[in-house]
Amino acid sequence: VEGTYSDQTNAQIWTIPDTDSDTYPDTADAFPNDKNEWLDTDKDGTGNNADTDDDNDLVADVDDAFPLDASESVDTDSDGVGNNADTDDDNDNVPDLQDAYPLISLGDLVDTD
């Protein structure tokens, strides 16, 4: 099956093959003969729709805050920055390197011991 596409500004018509009719052209489809798959982000041979770990970081996608980023899987403070890159994992304005409890925000309380 091929799709026909036209460029209205140049009045050109060209045909792009889509063998499995999944709307992804074969040139951009990691699985051109499988209508259920078109992307394999971790290049493990299993398409993302069937793959339970799309970034191959050994953390299942359902448990991974960043399922397409192999360098991150947890975001303790839900700020959109993974703990590996985040310098304040609990978002308490105390840098992790200086924080006695880097994953627990004590709010206005000071840890004095």
C-alpha atoms as a PDB file:
ATOM      1  CA  VAL A   1       0.000   0.000   0.000  1.00  0.00           C
ATOM      2  CA  GLU A   2       1.352   3.382  -0.911  1.00  0.00           C
ATOM      3  CA  GLY A   3       0.177   6.835   0.080  1.00  0.00           C
ATOM      4  CA  THR A   4       0.065   9.711  -2.367  1.00  0.00           C
ATOM      5  CA  TYR A   5       1.114  13.067  -1.055  1.00  0.00           C
ATOM      6  CA  SER A   6       1.065  16.427  -2.780  1.00  0.00           C
ATOM      7  CA  ASP A   7       2.859  19.685  -2.195  1.00  0.00           C
ATOM      8  CA  GLN A   8       0.331  22.403  -2.965  1.00  0.00           C
ATOM      9  CA  THR A   9       2.940  25.129  -3.394  1.00  0.00           C
ATOM     10  CA  ASN A  10       4.926  23.313  -6.085  1.00  0.00           C
ATOM     11  CA  ALA A  11       2.082  21.176  -7.432  1.00  0.00           C
ATOM     12  CA  GLN A  12       4.192  18.036  -7.042  1.00  0.00           C
ATOM     13  CA  ILE A  13       2.844  14.580  -6.364  1.00  0.00           C
ATOM     14  CA  TRP A  14       4.967  11.742  -5.071  1.00  0.00           C
ATOM     15  CA  THR A  15       4.346   8.289  -3.683  1.00  0.00           C
ATOM     16  CA  ILE A  16       5.766   7.065  -0.381  1.00  0.00           C
ATOM     17  CA  PRO A  17       5.521   3.324   0.360  1.00  0.00           C
ATOM     18  CA  ASP A  18       3.735   2.208   3.520  1.00  0.00           C
ATOM     19  CA  THR A  19       3.769  -1.581   3.195  1.00  0.00           C
ATOM     20  CA  ASP A  20       1.803  -2.318   6.386  1.00  0.00           C
ATOM     21  CA  SER A  21      -0.657   0.613   6.041  1.00  0.00           C
ATOM     22  CA  ASP A  22       0.000   1.929   9.547  1.00  0.00           C
ATOM     23  CA  THR A  23       0.363   5.554   8.322  1.00  0.00           C
ATOM     24  CA  TYR A  24       4.147   5.503   8.934  1.00  0.00           C
ATOM     25  CA  PRO A  25       6.107   5.470   5.673  1.00  0.00           C
ATOM     26  CA  ASP A  26       8.467   2.514   5.321  1.00  0.00           C
ATOM     27  CA  THR A  27      11.451   4.882   5.443  1.00  0.00           C
ATOM     28  CA  ALA A  28      10.428   5.997   8.980  1.00  0.00           C
ATOM     29  CA  ASP A  29       8.999   2.653  10.149  1.00  0.00           C
ATOM     30  CA  ALA A  30      11.266   0.349  12.175  1.00  0.00           C
ATOM     31  CA  PHE A  31       8.822  -2.470  11.363  1.00  0.00           C
ATOM     32  CA  PRO A  32       7.507  -1.817   7.827  1.00  0.00           C
ATOM     33  CA  ASN A  33       5.750  -5.200   7.664  1.00  0.00           C
ATOM     34  CA  ASP A  34       4.013  -5.004  11.077  1.00  0.00           C
ATOM     35  CA  LYS A  35       1.014  -2.659  11.275  1.00  0.00           C
ATOM     36  CA  ASN A  36       1.133  -2.772  15.098  1.00  0.00           C
ATOM     37  CA  GLU A  37       4.714  -1.494  15.389  1.00  0.00           C
ATOM     38  CA  TRP A  38       6.704   1.374  13.904  1.00  0.00           C
ATOM     39  CA  LEU A  39       9.107   2.508  16.652  1.00  0.00           C
ATOM     40  CA  ASP A  40      11.894   0.770  18.604  1.00  0.00           C
ATOM     41  CA  THR A  41      13.539   3.442  20.755  1.00  0.00           C
ATOM     42  CA  ASP A  42      15.995   1.091  22.481  1.00  0.00           C
ATOM     43  CA  LYS A  43      16.854  -0.784  19.271  1.00  0.00           C
ATOM     44  CA  ASP A  44      16.320  -4.187  20.907  1.00  0.00           C
ATOM     45  CA  GLY A  45      14.247  -5.598  18.064  1.00  0.00           C
ATOM     46  CA  THR A  46      10.948  -5.344  19.973  1.00  0.00           C
ATOM     47  CA  GLY A  47       8.660  -2.466  18.995  1.00  0.00           C
ATOM     48  CA  ASN A  48       7.620   0.012  21.669  1.00  0.00           C
ATOM     49  CA  ASN A  49       3.992  -1.168  21.635  1.00  0.00           C
ATOM     50  CA  ALA A  50       5.011  -4.671  22.729  1.00  0.00           C
ATOM     51  CA  ASP A  51       8.175  -3.713  24.651  1.00  0.00           C
ATOM     52  CA  THR A  52       7.694  -3.364  28.415  1.00  0.00           C
ATOM     53  CA  ASP A  53      10.974  -1.424  28.787  1.00  0.00           C
ATOM     54  CA  ASP A  54      11.274   1.016  25.873  1.00  0.00           C
ATOM     55  CA  ASP A  55      14.604   2.520  26.993  1.00  0.00           C
ATOM     56  CA  ASN A  56      16.184  -0.773  28.084  1.00  0.00           C
ATOM     57  CA  ASP A  57      17.191   0.553  31.533  1.00  0.00           C
ATOM     58  CA  LEU A  58      15.842  -2.546  33.346  1.00  0.00           C
ATOM     59  CA  VAL A  59      12.937  -0.515  34.827  1.00  0.00           C
ATOM     60  CA  ALA A  60       9.523  -1.464  33.422  1.00  0.00           C
ATOM     61  CA  ASP A  61       7.807   1.392  31.587  1.00  0.00           C
ATOM     62  CA  VAL A  62       4.865   1.272  34.013  1.00  0.00           C
ATOM     63  CA  ASP A  63       7.276   2.001  36.882  1.00  0.00           C
ATOM     64  CA  ASP A  64       9.528   4.405  34.977  1.00  0.00           C
ATOM     65  CA  ALA A  65       8.920   8.164  35.265  1.00  0.00           C
ATOM     66  CA  PHE A  66      11.010   8.525  32.071  1.00  0.00           C
ATOM     67  CA  PRO A  67      10.240   5.432  29.946  1.00  0.00           C
ATOM     68  CA  LEU A  68      12.167   6.763  26.937  1.00  0.00           C
ATOM     69  CA  ASP A  69      15.255   7.990  28.839  1.00  0.00           C
ATOM     70  CA  ALA A  70      17.662   5.233  29.877  1.00  0.00           C
ATOM     71  CA  SER A  71      19.547   7.625  32.171  1.00  0.00           C
ATOM     72  CA  GLU A  72      16.496   8.414  34.348  1.00  0.00           C
ATOM     73  CA  SER A  73      13.668   6.440  35.926  1.00  0.00           C
ATOM     74  CA  VAL A  74      12.745   8.292  39.158  1.00  0.00           C
ATOM     75  CA  ASP A  75      11.509  11.832  39.845  1.00  0.00           C
ATOM     76  CA  THR A  76      10.977  11.996  43.607  1.00  0.00           C
ATOM     77  CA  ASP A  77       9.700  15.579  43.688  1.00  0.00           C
ATOM     78  CA  SER A  78       7.664  15.350  40.449  1.00  0.00           C
ATOM     79  CA  ASP A  79       9.334  18.440  38.988  1.00  0.00           C
ATOM     80  CA  GLY A  80       9.959  16.827  35.593  1.00  0.00           C
ATOM     81  CA  VAL A  81      13.695  16.451  36.230  1.00  0.00           C
ATOM     82  CA  GLY A  82      14.914  12.921  36.982  1.00  0.00           C
ATOM     83  CA  ASN A  83      16.778  12.330  40.227  1.00  0.00           C
ATOM     84  CA  ASN A  84      20.063  11.628  38.401  1.00  0.00           C
ATOM     85  CA  ALA A  85      20.097  15.149  36.937  1.00  0.00           C
ATOM     86  CA  ASP A  86      18.157  16.911  39.718  1.00  0.00           C
ATOM     87  CA  THR A  87      20.362  18.608  42.315  1.00  0.00           C
ATOM     88  CA  ASP A  88      17.445  18.879  44.786  1.00  0.00           C
ATOM     89  CA  ASP A  89      15.466  15.619  44.625  1.00  0.00           C
ATOM     90  CA  ASP A  90      12.912  16.585  47.287  1.00  0.00           C
ATOM     91  CA  ASN A  91      12.502  20.203  46.100  1.00  0.00           C
ATOM     92  CA  ASP A  92      13.105  21.664  49.570  1.00  0.00           C
ATOM     93  CA  ASN A  93      15.623  24.247  48.323  1.00  0.00           C
ATOM     94  CA  VAL A  94      18.488  22.414  50.039  1.00  0.00           C
ATOM     95  CA  PRO A  95      20.903  20.911  47.494  1.00  0.00           C
ATOM     96  CA  ASP A  96      21.135  17.121  47.781  1.00  0.00           C
ATOM     97  CA  LEU A  97      24.850  17.295  48.551  1.00  0.00           C
ATOM     98  CA  GLN A  98      24.078  19.413  51.633  1.00  0.00           C
ATOM     99  CA  ASP A  99      20.782  17.734  52.555  1.00  0.00           C
ATOM    100  CA  ALA A 100      20.757  15.206  55.411  1.00  0.00           C
ATOM    101  CA  TYR A 101      17.535  13.806  53.909  1.00  0.00           C
ATOM    102  CA  PRO A 102      17.780  14.403  50.141  1.00  0.00           C
ATOM    103  CA  LEU A 103      14.608  12.445  49.348  1.00  0.00           C
ATOM    104  CA  ILE A 104      12.459  13.830  52.198  1.00  0.00           C
ATOM    105  CA  SER A 105      11.404  17.459  52.380  1.00  0.00           C
ATOM    106  CA  LEU A 106      11.268  18.649  55.983  1.00  0.00           C
ATOM    107  CA  GLY A 107       9.570  21.865  54.930  1.00  0.00           C
ATOM    108  CA  ASP A 108      10.368  24.630  57.433  1.00  0.00           C
ATOM    109  CA  LEU A 109      11.793  22.164  59.949  1.00  0.00           C
ATOM    110  CA  VAL A 110      15.538  22.160  60.473  1.00  0.00           C
ATOM    111  CA  ASP A 111      17.375  18.922  61.179  1.00  0.00           C
ATOM    112  CA  THR A 112      19.677  19.844  64.037  1.00  0.00           C
ATOM    113  CA  ASP A 113      21.203  16.457  64.890  1.00  0.00           C
END
